[in-house]
Protein backbone atom coordinates (compact mmCIF):
# COMPACT_ATOMS: atom_id res chain seq x y z
CA MET A 1 21.09 -16.50 -34.38
CA PRO A 2 17.55 -15.05 -34.72
CA ALA A 3 19.28 -11.56 -33.28
CA ALA A 4 21.27 -11.34 -36.58
CA PRO A 5 18.37 -10.70 -39.13
CA GLY A 6 16.97 -8.67 -36.73
CA GLY A 7 18.99 -6.14 -36.30
CA ARG A 8 20.12 -6.12 -40.54
CA LEU A 9 16.37 -5.25 -40.64
CA PHE A 10 16.83 -2.42 -38.19
CA ASP A 11 19.84 -1.14 -39.96
CA LEU A 12 17.83 -1.89 -42.94
CA ASP A 13 15.07 0.26 -41.72
CA TYR A 14 17.75 2.85 -40.64
CA LEU A 15 19.27 3.24 -43.48
CA ILE A 16 15.64 3.84 -45.86
CA LEU A 17 15.29 6.80 -42.72
CA GLY A 18 17.83 8.05 -43.29
CA GLU A 19 17.96 8.45 -47.19
CA LEU A 20 14.24 9.53 -47.00
CA VAL A 21 15.13 12.78 -44.58
CA VAL A 22 17.82 13.54 -46.98
CA VAL A 23 15.50 13.35 -50.09
CA ARG A 24 12.72 15.38 -47.74
CA ILE A 25 16.06 17.87 -46.38
CA LEU A 26 17.46 18.35 -50.63
CA PHE A 27 13.22 18.56 -51.54
CA LEU A 28 12.88 21.54 -48.98
CA SER A 29 15.80 23.13 -49.32
CA LEU A 30 15.27 23.23 -53.40
CA ALA A 31 11.43 24.61 -52.27
CA VAL A 32 12.65 26.97 -49.97
CA THR A 33 15.40 28.22 -53.11
CA LEU A 34 12.71 28.25 -55.46
CA MET A 35 10.25 29.96 -53.21
CA LEU A 36 13.68 32.85 -52.56
CA LEU A 37 14.06 33.48 -55.95
CA VAL A 38 10.38 34.21 -56.75
CA LEU A 39 9.89 36.67 -53.75
CA ASN A 40 13.10 38.63 -54.85
CA ASN A 41 11.86 38.44 -58.75
CA TRP A 42 8.64 39.83 -57.57
CA ARG A 43 10.22 42.61 -55.75
CA LEU A 44 12.32 43.71 -58.06
CA GLN A 45 8.97 43.86 -60.51
CA HIS A 46 7.16 45.45 -57.88
CA HIS A 47 10.44 48.32 -57.49
CA SER A 48 10.38 48.94 -60.72
CA HIS A 49 6.95 49.81 -61.88
């Protein structure tokens, strides 16, 4: 019986960890996309001048 709550807690922690990883990946991809857009814009401005 005592093993069930431990497993449940472990699953909950794992779920929260997974969500954090997903959020981190989304945030990183968003940051990379913004950086690429800024770099592309800066390059276009630099080449135009």
